[in-house]
Amino acid sequence: MNEFEKIKKMYENGFRCIRYDDTKDGEMCIYFKNFENEDSQALRVQGFEQKMQIKNFINQNSMK
């Protein structure tokens, strides 16, 4: 399972992105929290295409 699929599954299980740090040529670190059970997790992602796909998903699924 790639990182994007893992993140989609995490969103299905109640996790939400609380922050991400993206370096220009390096990896992106994404921090998640499930506010129902206070669990938190972090993932590291590399590759421009995958980072853009994940950022778009997070932005589309964030509360405005």
N, C-alpha and C. Protein backbone atom coordinates (compact mmCIF):
# COMPACT_ATOMS: atom_id res chain seq x y z
N MET A 1 0.86 -1.18 0.00
CA MET A 1 0.00 0.00 0.00
C MET A 1 0.90 1.24 0.00
N ASN A 2 0.65 2.17 -0.92
CA ASN A 2 1.46 3.38 -0.95
C ASN A 2 1.00 4.37 0.12
N GLU A 3 1.75 5.42 0.29
CA GLU A 3 1.46 6.38 1.36
C GLU A 3 0.11 7.07 1.16
N PHE A 4 -0.25 7.38 -0.08
CA PHE A 4 -1.54 8.02 -0.35
C PHE A 4 -2.69 7.14 0.11
N GLU A 5 -2.62 5.86 -0.19
CA GLU A 5 -3.68 4.93 0.23
C GLU A 5 -3.73 4.82 1.76
N LYS A 6 -2.57 4.84 2.41
CA LYS A 6 -2.53 4.81 3.88
C LYS A 6 -3.24 6.03 4.45
N ILE A 7 -3.00 7.20 3.85
CA ILE A 7 -3.61 8.43 4.35
C ILE A 7 -5.13 8.41 4.14
N LYS A 8 -5.57 7.93 3.00
CA LYS A 8 -7.02 7.81 2.77
C LYS A 8 -7.66 6.91 3.82
N LYS A 9 -6.99 5.80 4.14
CA LYS A 9 -7.49 4.87 5.15
C LYS A 9 -7.52 5.53 6.53
N MET A 10 -6.48 6.32 6.82
CA MET A 10 -6.44 7.03 8.11
C MET A 10 -7.61 8.01 8.21
N TYR A 11 -7.93 8.71 7.13
CA TYR A 11 -9.06 9.64 7.14
C TYR A 11 -10.37 8.89 7.36
N GLU A 12 -10.51 7.70 6.77
CA GLU A 12 -11.69 6.88 6.99
C GLU A 12 -11.81 6.48 8.46
N ASN A 13 -10.68 6.36 9.14
CA ASN A 13 -10.66 5.95 10.55
C ASN A 13 -10.67 7.13 11.52
N GLY A 14 -10.93 8.34 11.02
CA GLY A 14 -11.10 9.49 11.89
C GLY A 14 -9.89 10.38 12.08
N PHE A 15 -8.77 10.05 11.47
CA PHE A 15 -7.58 10.90 11.58
C PHE A 15 -7.71 12.12 10.67
N ARG A 16 -7.11 13.22 11.08
CA ARG A 16 -7.06 14.43 10.27
C ARG A 16 -5.65 15.00 10.33
N CYS A 17 -5.24 15.60 9.23
CA CYS A 17 -3.92 16.23 9.18
C CYS A 17 -3.96 17.50 10.02
N ILE A 18 -3.02 17.61 10.93
CA ILE A 18 -2.94 18.83 11.73
C ILE A 18 -1.80 19.73 11.26
N ARG A 19 -0.87 19.16 10.49
CA ARG A 19 0.27 19.95 10.00
C ARG A 19 1.11 19.11 9.06
N TYR A 20 1.73 19.78 8.08
CA TYR A 20 2.75 19.09 7.30
C TYR A 20 3.89 20.03 7.02
N ASP A 21 5.09 19.46 7.01
CA ASP A 21 6.33 20.18 6.70
C ASP A 21 6.88 19.60 5.42
N ASP A 22 7.06 20.47 4.43
CA ASP A 22 7.53 20.00 3.13
C ASP A 22 8.80 20.76 2.75
N THR A 23 9.88 20.01 2.53
CA THR A 23 11.09 20.64 2.03
C THR A 23 11.08 20.56 0.51
N LYS A 24 11.74 21.48 -0.11
CA LYS A 24 11.66 21.59 -1.57
C LYS A 24 12.08 20.31 -2.28
N ASP A 25 13.22 19.76 -1.94
CA ASP A 25 13.73 18.58 -2.64
C ASP A 25 13.76 17.33 -1.78
N GLY A 26 13.31 17.44 -0.56
CA GLY A 26 13.39 16.30 0.35
C GLY A 26 12.05 15.68 0.63
N GLU A 27 11.94 15.13 1.81
CA GLU A 27 10.71 14.46 2.17
C GLU A 27 9.74 15.40 2.87
N MET A 28 8.49 15.01 2.86
CA MET A 28 7.45 15.75 3.54
C MET A 28 7.03 14.95 4.76
N CYS A 29 6.95 15.60 5.90
CA CYS A 29 6.50 14.95 7.12
C CYS A 29 5.09 15.45 7.41
N ILE A 30 4.16 14.50 7.59
CA ILE A 30 2.76 14.83 7.79
C ILE A 30 2.34 14.32 9.16
N TYR A 31 1.68 15.19 9.93
CA TYR A 31 1.25 14.86 11.29
C TYR A 31 -0.27 14.73 11.32
N PHE A 32 -0.75 13.65 11.91
CA PHE A 32 -2.18 13.36 11.97
C PHE A 32 -2.63 13.19 13.42
N LYS A 33 -3.90 13.52 13.65
CA LYS A 33 -4.48 13.30 14.97
C LYS A 33 -5.91 12.82 14.82
N ASN A 34 -6.28 11.87 15.65
CA ASN A 34 -7.66 11.43 15.75
C ASN A 34 -8.21 12.07 17.03
N PHE A 35 -9.12 13.02 16.86
CA PHE A 35 -9.61 13.79 18.00
C PHE A 35 -10.62 13.02 18.84
N GLU A 36 -11.11 11.90 18.35
CA GLU A 36 -12.04 11.09 19.14
C GLU A 36 -11.32 10.29 20.20
N ASN A 37 -10.17 9.70 19.83
CA ASN A 37 -9.46 8.87 20.80
C ASN A 37 -8.08 9.42 21.17
N GLU A 38 -7.78 10.65 20.70
CA GLU A 38 -6.53 11.36 21.03
C GLU A 38 -5.26 10.66 20.53
N ASP A 39 -5.41 9.76 19.56
CA ASP A 39 -4.25 9.09 18.97
C ASP A 39 -3.60 10.04 17.96
N SER A 40 -2.30 9.91 17.78
CA SER A 40 -1.60 10.71 16.77
C SER A 40 -0.56 9.86 16.06
N GLN A 41 -0.29 10.23 14.81
CA GLN A 41 0.68 9.51 14.00
C GLN A 41 1.38 10.49 13.08
N ALA A 42 2.52 10.07 12.55
CA ALA A 42 3.26 10.87 11.58
C ALA A 42 3.75 9.96 10.46
N LEU A 43 3.77 10.51 9.26
CA LEU A 43 4.27 9.79 8.09
C LEU A 43 5.28 10.65 7.36
N ARG A 44 6.21 10.00 6.71
CA ARG A 44 7.18 10.69 5.85
C ARG A 44 6.94 10.24 4.42
N VAL A 45 6.93 11.22 3.51
CA VAL A 45 6.63 10.94 2.11
C VAL A 45 7.70 11.57 1.24
N GLN A 46 8.08 10.87 0.19
CA GLN A 46 9.05 11.41 -0.78
C GLN A 46 8.44 11.34 -2.17
N GLY A 47 8.99 12.10 -3.06
CA GLY A 47 8.54 12.09 -4.45
C GLY A 47 7.55 13.20 -4.72
N PHE A 48 7.84 14.03 -5.69
CA PHE A 48 7.03 15.20 -5.99
C PHE A 48 5.58 14.84 -6.29
N GLU A 49 5.34 13.86 -7.16
CA GLU A 49 3.98 13.50 -7.55
C GLU A 49 3.16 13.03 -6.35
N GLN A 50 3.75 12.19 -5.53
CA GLN A 50 3.04 11.68 -4.37
C GLN A 50 2.75 12.79 -3.36
N LYS A 51 3.72 13.70 -3.17
CA LYS A 51 3.50 14.81 -2.24
C LYS A 51 2.36 15.70 -2.73
N MET A 52 2.32 15.99 -4.03
CA MET A 52 1.26 16.83 -4.57
C MET A 52 -0.10 16.15 -4.45
N GLN A 53 -0.16 14.86 -4.70
CA GLN A 53 -1.40 14.11 -4.58
C GLN A 53 -1.92 14.16 -3.15
N ILE A 54 -1.03 13.99 -2.20
CA ILE A 54 -1.41 14.00 -0.78
C ILE A 54 -1.84 15.40 -0.35
N LYS A 55 -1.10 16.42 -0.75
CA LYS A 55 -1.48 17.80 -0.41
C LYS A 55 -2.86 18.14 -0.95
N ASN A 56 -3.15 17.75 -2.18
CA ASN A 56 -4.47 18.01 -2.76
C ASN A 56 -5.56 17.31 -1.98
N PHE A 57 -5.32 16.05 -1.60
CA PHE A 57 -6.30 15.31 -0.81
C PHE A 57 -6.54 15.97 0.53
N ILE A 58 -5.49 16.37 1.21
CA ILE A 58 -5.61 17.01 2.52
C ILE A 58 -6.38 18.32 2.38
N ASN A 59 -6.04 19.12 1.38
CA ASN A 59 -6.73 20.39 1.19
C ASN A 59 -8.20 20.21 0.85
N GLN A 60 -8.54 19.20 0.08
CA GLN A 60 -9.93 18.94 -0.26
C GLN A 60 -10.73 18.42 0.92
N ASN A 61 -10.06 17.80 1.88
CA ASN A 61 -10.75 17.18 3.01
C ASN A 61 -10.55 17.94 4.32
N SER A 62 -10.06 19.17 4.22
CA SER A 62 -9.86 19.95 5.45
C SER A 62 -11.07 20.85 5.68
N MET A 63 -11.27 21.18 6.93
CA MET A 63 -12.37 22.08 7.28
C MET A 63 -11.94 23.50 6.95
N LYS A 64 -12.81 24.23 6.34
CA LYS A 64 -12.50 25.60 5.95
C LYS A 64 -13.19 26.57 6.87
